[in-house]
Amino acid sequence: MLRQRVNGYDMAYIDIGSGDPLVCIHGSLGDFRTWSPVLGPLSQRHRVIVPSLRRFFPEHWDGTGGGFTIAQHVADVIAFLEALGGPTGGKLNLLGHSRGGHIAFRVAQQRPELLRRLVLAEPGGDLDASLATGDSLPAFRSHVAAAVETIAAGDIEGGVAKFVDAINGPGVWRSLAATARQQLRDNARTLLGQVNEQRPPYSRTDAESIRVPALFIGGAKTPGALPVVLRALAAHVPGAKVEIIPNATHAMFEDDPVRFSKAVVEFLGSAG
């Protein structure tokens, strides 16, 4: 495990493989371990760099104090990319999943010159009225609030289970391997910070402002709002490509790491 000082914080990360750099940003309850299923196949073609965001494992945060907002995490990722680019300012590929997809989207908005290509795996967030689809969708934060109430009451297991099942479908928490459950428990209290993370909704203007070549990846069996958000954004990001992984849920790179990695590698290696 390595560390990079960014904005007064030591960001832990893993750096594996060689080739065109690919930085992967985890989502809610995740950390650098999130990407374990795809580190092998992705690192065959790329230098894969996977950080843990501020307040996530290996930090053991109690959920109090500041430093947990979307703006802070976006600023941290930008500083991390700048440090990796070095004095030559080399561009990097950026992949974000779920909440990490939202962060990657905002990085691409703010600092497109840092990026070569952008991969968004079911980016999380709400849509504003300009991207209204006609679907009746709950606010993205509703499942966070339910999980936080349970965690704040001292039931870590129950709170994380509520969050995971809301995102991926009923019963998914019980089906997870012990190692996956432990990773989620390790980051459970980050949900306390997520309640007030100040995540702005996506707008059509936001989507149209993305000028980095972009690929959206989704799971064909992901329930709820995430597929709706993906389709709405992909329809307005100029030139965006879409790849849907059959028989996969929101945890698509765990459900089918081979197909997920193939989609990413082919996109990053394509012309244009």
Protein backbone atom coordinates (compact mmCIF):
# COMPACT_ATOMS: atom_id res chain seq x y z
CA MET A 1 0.00 0.00 0.00
CA LEU A 2 1.27 3.46 -0.97
CA ARG A 3 0.27 6.95 0.16
CA GLN A 4 0.02 10.28 -1.63
CA ARG A 5 -0.38 13.58 0.24
CA VAL A 6 -3.34 15.49 -1.21
CA ASN A 7 -4.94 18.57 0.33
CA GLY A 8 -3.44 17.82 3.74
CA TYR A 9 -4.56 14.17 3.71
CA ASP A 10 -2.53 10.99 3.12
CA MET A 11 -4.53 9.11 0.48
CA ALA A 12 -3.84 5.37 0.53
CA TYR A 13 -3.68 3.58 -2.81
CA ILE A 14 -2.49 0.51 -4.67
CA ASP A 15 -0.50 0.78 -7.90
CA ILE A 16 -0.24 -2.36 -10.05
CA GLY A 17 0.68 -3.19 -13.65
CA SER A 18 2.16 -1.06 -16.40
CA GLY A 19 0.97 0.80 -19.45
CA ASP A 20 -1.54 3.59 -19.99
CA PRO A 21 -2.60 4.70 -16.45
CA LEU A 22 -6.14 3.97 -15.22
CA VAL A 23 -7.31 5.46 -11.91
CA CYS A 24 -10.35 3.75 -10.34
CA ILE A 25 -12.59 5.55 -7.82
CA HIS A 26 -14.73 3.40 -5.52
CA GLY A 27 -18.29 4.10 -4.43
CA SER A 28 -20.16 4.15 -1.12
CA LEU A 29 -18.86 1.76 1.55
CA GLY A 30 -15.90 0.92 -0.69
CA ASP A 31 -12.14 1.43 -0.67
CA PHE A 32 -9.18 0.26 -2.76
CA ARG A 33 -10.18 -3.36 -2.04
CA THR A 34 -13.37 -2.82 -4.05
CA TRP A 35 -11.49 -3.36 -7.30
CA SER A 36 -9.90 -6.71 -6.34
CA PRO A 37 -11.99 -8.76 -8.83
CA VAL A 38 -10.68 -6.77 -11.81
CA LEU A 39 -7.14 -5.81 -10.81
CA GLY A 40 -5.75 -8.85 -12.61
CA PRO A 41 -7.38 -8.41 -16.01
CA LEU A 42 -7.15 -4.60 -16.04
CA SER A 43 -3.47 -4.58 -15.06
CA GLN A 44 -2.58 -6.83 -17.99
CA ARG A 45 -2.98 -3.78 -20.24
CA HIS A 46 -2.83 -0.81 -17.89
CA ARG A 47 -1.09 0.64 -14.89
CA VAL A 48 -4.04 0.46 -12.49
CA ILE A 49 -4.10 2.90 -9.58
CA VAL A 50 -6.84 2.43 -6.97
CA PRO A 51 -7.07 4.93 -4.10
CA SER A 52 -9.23 4.96 -1.00
CA LEU A 53 -11.02 8.27 -0.64
CA ARG A 54 -10.74 10.47 2.45
CA ARG A 55 -12.39 8.87 5.54
CA PHE A 56 -12.55 5.38 4.00
CA PHE A 57 -10.52 2.30 5.00
CA PRO A 58 -7.65 2.07 5.94
CA GLU A 59 -8.78 5.08 7.95
CA HIS A 60 -11.25 4.03 10.66
CA TRP A 61 -13.54 7.05 10.81
CA ASP A 62 -16.18 7.43 13.51
CA GLY A 63 -18.42 9.61 11.33
CA THR A 64 -17.80 12.86 13.23
CA GLY A 65 -16.04 15.99 12.05
CA GLY A 66 -15.63 17.40 8.56
CA GLY A 67 -13.92 16.38 5.38
CA PHE A 68 -16.73 14.29 3.94
CA THR A 69 -18.40 16.10 1.06
CA ILE A 70 -18.62 15.51 -2.65
CA ALA A 71 -16.67 18.74 -3.22
CA GLN A 72 -13.85 17.57 -0.93
CA HIS A 73 -13.60 14.18 -2.62
CA VAL A 74 -13.63 15.79 -6.07
CA ALA A 75 -10.85 18.15 -5.00
CA ASP A 76 -8.88 15.22 -3.56
CA VAL A 77 -9.17 13.20 -6.76
CA ILE A 78 -8.08 16.20 -8.83
CA ALA A 79 -5.02 16.68 -6.60
CA PHE A 80 -4.29 12.95 -6.78
CA LEU A 81 -4.43 13.00 -10.59
CA GLU A 82 -2.21 16.07 -10.71
CA ALA A 83 0.36 14.30 -8.52
CA LEU A 84 0.29 11.19 -10.72
CA GLY A 85 0.58 13.23 -13.92
CA GLY A 86 3.82 14.72 -12.66
CA PRO A 87 5.64 17.68 -14.17
CA THR A 88 4.76 16.68 -17.73
CA GLY A 89 1.05 16.79 -16.93
CA GLY A 90 0.34 13.44 -18.58
CA LYS A 91 -3.33 12.60 -19.04
CA LEU A 92 -4.87 9.63 -17.22
CA ASN A 93 -7.93 7.46 -17.72
CA LEU A 94 -10.52 7.73 -14.93
CA LEU A 95 -13.06 5.07 -13.92
CA GLY A 96 -15.68 5.70 -11.25
CA HIS A 97 -18.33 3.39 -9.82
CA SER A 98 -21.57 4.52 -8.17
CA ARG A 99 -20.75 7.45 -5.83
CA GLY A 100 -17.25 7.28 -7.31
CA GLY A 101 -18.86 7.68 -10.71
CA HIS A 102 -20.44 10.92 -9.55
CA ILE A 103 -17.04 12.12 -8.35
CA ALA A 104 -15.39 11.13 -11.64
CA PHE A 105 -18.15 12.95 -13.56
CA ARG A 106 -17.48 16.16 -11.60
CA VAL A 107 -13.72 15.81 -12.11
CA ALA A 108 -14.33 15.55 -15.86
CA GLN A 109 -16.47 18.69 -15.70
CA GLN A 110 -13.94 20.71 -13.75
CA ARG A 111 -10.62 19.47 -15.12
CA PRO A 112 -11.06 17.75 -18.48
CA GLU A 113 -7.45 18.51 -19.42
CA LEU A 114 -6.32 15.93 -16.82
CA LEU A 115 -8.21 13.09 -18.49
CA ARG A 116 -7.74 10.97 -21.56
CA ARG A 117 -10.91 8.89 -21.23
CA LEU A 118 -13.74 8.55 -18.72
CA VAL A 119 -15.60 5.39 -17.65
CA LEU A 120 -18.71 5.76 -15.49
CA ALA A 121 -20.12 2.56 -13.99
CA GLU A 122 -23.68 3.41 -12.95
CA PRO A 123 -22.85 6.86 -11.51
CA GLY A 124 -24.99 7.70 -8.50
CA GLY A 125 -27.06 10.79 -7.86
CA ASP A 126 -30.36 12.54 -8.53
CA LEU A 127 -31.58 14.07 -11.79
CA ASP A 128 -32.85 17.63 -11.86
CA ALA A 129 -35.91 18.75 -13.82
CA SER A 130 -33.91 19.26 -17.03
CA LEU A 131 -33.21 15.52 -17.14
CA ALA A 132 -36.63 14.39 -15.95
CA THR A 133 -37.53 11.06 -17.53
CA GLY A 134 -41.15 10.64 -16.47
CA ASP A 135 -40.19 7.78 -14.17
CA SER A 136 -41.35 8.07 -10.57
CA LEU A 137 -38.09 7.67 -8.67
CA PRO A 138 -37.28 8.14 -5.00
CA ALA A 139 -34.56 10.63 -4.13
CA PHE A 140 -31.17 8.97 -4.29
CA ARG A 141 -30.44 9.76 -0.62
CA SER A 142 -33.53 8.00 0.76
CA HIS A 143 -31.84 4.62 1.12
CA VAL A 144 -28.82 6.31 2.72
CA ALA A 145 -31.04 7.90 5.38
CA ALA A 146 -32.64 4.56 6.27
CA ALA A 147 -29.26 2.86 6.61
CA VAL A 148 -27.80 5.74 8.65
CA GLU A 149 -30.63 5.63 11.17
CA THR A 150 -29.88 1.96 11.82
CA ILE A 151 -26.10 2.46 11.99
CA ALA A 152 -26.45 5.45 14.34
CA ALA A 153 -28.52 3.25 16.64
CA GLY A 154 -25.55 0.87 16.88
CA ASP A 155 -26.65 -1.81 14.40
CA ILE A 156 -23.79 -1.76 11.86
CA GLU A 157 -24.77 -5.06 10.27
CA GLY A 158 -28.41 -4.11 9.87
CA GLY A 159 -27.64 -0.67 8.48
CA VAL A 160 -25.18 -1.91 5.88
CA ALA A 161 -27.59 -4.68 4.89
CA LYS A 162 -30.34 -2.11 4.28
CA PHE A 163 -28.05 -0.05 2.06
CA VAL A 164 -26.70 -2.98 0.03
CA ASP A 165 -30.13 -4.52 -0.55
CA ALA A 166 -31.62 -1.15 -1.57
CA ILE A 167 -28.95 -0.75 -4.25
CA ASN A 168 -28.63 -4.32 -5.52
CA GLY A 169 -31.92 -6.00 -4.62
CA PRO A 170 -33.40 -7.87 -1.64
CA GLY A 171 -31.23 -10.60 -0.12
CA VAL A 172 -27.95 -9.54 -1.73
CA TRP A 173 -26.27 -8.77 1.62
CA ARG A 174 -26.85 -12.34 2.83
CA SER A 175 -25.33 -13.73 -0.37
CA LEU A 176 -22.04 -11.80 -0.12
CA ALA A 177 -18.77 -13.51 0.73
CA ALA A 178 -17.35 -12.87 4.19
CA THR A 179 -14.51 -10.72 2.82
CA ALA A 180 -16.93 -8.48 0.93
CA ARG A 181 -19.11 -8.07 4.01
CA GLN A 182 -16.12 -7.09 6.11
CA GLN A 183 -15.06 -4.41 3.66
CA LEU A 184 -18.53 -2.88 3.83
CA ARG A 185 -18.57 -3.04 7.64
CA ASP A 186 -15.17 -1.34 7.75
CA ASN A 187 -16.64 1.66 5.94
CA ALA A 188 -20.11 1.66 7.50
CA ARG A 189 -19.74 4.96 9.34
CA THR A 190 -18.88 6.83 6.14
CA LEU A 191 -22.62 6.70 5.48
CA LEU A 192 -23.05 9.06 8.45
CA GLY A 193 -21.02 11.61 6.51
CA GLN A 194 -22.82 10.88 3.28
CA VAL A 195 -26.13 12.21 4.63
CA ASN A 196 -24.80 15.78 4.42
CA GLU A 197 -22.31 15.34 1.58
CA GLN A 198 -23.95 18.08 -0.52
CA ARG A 199 -24.18 16.04 -3.71
CA PRO A 200 -25.66 18.24 -6.44
CA PRO A 201 -28.17 16.70 -8.85
CA TYR A 202 -27.17 16.10 -12.45
CA SER A 203 -28.50 18.55 -15.02
CA ARG A 204 -28.68 18.41 -18.79
CA THR A 205 -26.16 21.25 -18.92
CA ASP A 206 -23.81 19.17 -16.75
CA ALA A 207 -24.08 16.22 -19.12
CA GLU A 208 -23.60 18.33 -22.23
CA SER A 209 -20.49 19.92 -20.73
CA ILE A 210 -18.54 16.63 -20.63
CA ARG A 211 -15.94 16.77 -23.43
CA VAL A 212 -13.87 13.74 -22.48
CA PRO A 213 -14.63 10.53 -24.44
CA ALA A 214 -16.97 8.64 -22.11
CA LEU A 215 -18.23 5.09 -21.62
CA PHE A 216 -21.18 4.29 -19.38
CA ILE A 217 -21.35 0.73 -18.01
CA GLY A 218 -24.43 -0.75 -16.35
CA GLY A 219 -25.69 -4.02 -15.01
CA ALA A 220 -28.69 -5.45 -16.84
CA LYS A 221 -30.26 -6.52 -13.53
CA THR A 222 -29.58 -3.40 -11.48
CA PRO A 223 -32.89 -2.31 -9.90
CA GLY A 224 -34.13 1.14 -9.01
CA ALA A 225 -32.94 4.56 -10.11
CA LEU A 226 -29.35 3.88 -11.17
CA PRO A 227 -30.18 2.56 -14.69
CA VAL A 228 -32.49 5.55 -15.24
CA VAL A 229 -29.72 7.97 -14.27
CA LEU A 230 -27.27 6.17 -16.55
CA ARG A 231 -29.57 6.38 -19.56
CA ALA A 232 -30.41 10.05 -18.93
CA LEU A 233 -26.77 11.08 -18.68
CA ALA A 234 -25.57 8.94 -21.58
CA ALA A 235 -28.23 10.46 -23.83
CA HIS A 236 -26.74 13.93 -23.35
CA VAL A 237 -22.99 13.40 -22.89
CA PRO A 238 -21.60 14.10 -26.39
CA GLY A 239 -20.53 10.92 -28.16
CA ALA A 240 -21.03 8.72 -25.09
CA LYS A 241 -20.94 4.95 -25.49
CA VAL A 242 -22.98 2.52 -23.39
CA GLU A 243 -22.18 -1.06 -22.39
CA ILE A 244 -24.67 -3.18 -20.43
CA ILE A 245 -23.35 -6.30 -18.68
CA PRO A 246 -25.88 -9.18 -18.98
CA ASN A 247 -27.00 -10.89 -15.77
CA ALA A 248 -25.11 -8.34 -13.65
CA THR A 249 -26.27 -5.99 -10.91
CA HIS A 250 -24.72 -2.79 -9.60
CA ALA A 251 -21.75 -4.88 -8.42
CA MET A 252 -21.05 -5.62 -12.07
CA PHE A 253 -17.28 -6.06 -11.79
CA GLU A 254 -17.88 -8.70 -9.11
CA ASP A 255 -20.71 -10.38 -11.01
CA ASP A 256 -18.77 -10.60 -14.30
CA PRO A 257 -15.20 -9.30 -13.94
CA VAL A 258 -14.13 -10.69 -17.31
CA ARG A 259 -16.85 -8.94 -19.33
CA PHE A 260 -16.50 -5.74 -17.32
CA SER A 261 -12.73 -5.62 -17.82
CA LYS A 262 -13.08 -6.39 -21.53
CA ALA A 263 -15.48 -3.46 -21.98
CA VAL A 264 -13.14 -1.08 -20.16
CA VAL A 265 -9.96 -2.23 -21.91
CA GLU A 266 -11.54 -2.13 -25.38
CA PHE A 267 -12.89 1.38 -24.79
CA LEU A 268 -9.59 2.69 -23.47
CA GLY A 269 -7.75 1.17 -26.41
CA SER A 270 -10.14 2.30 -29.12
CA ALA A 271 -9.35 5.06 -31.59
CA GLY A 272 -11.06 8.39 -31.58
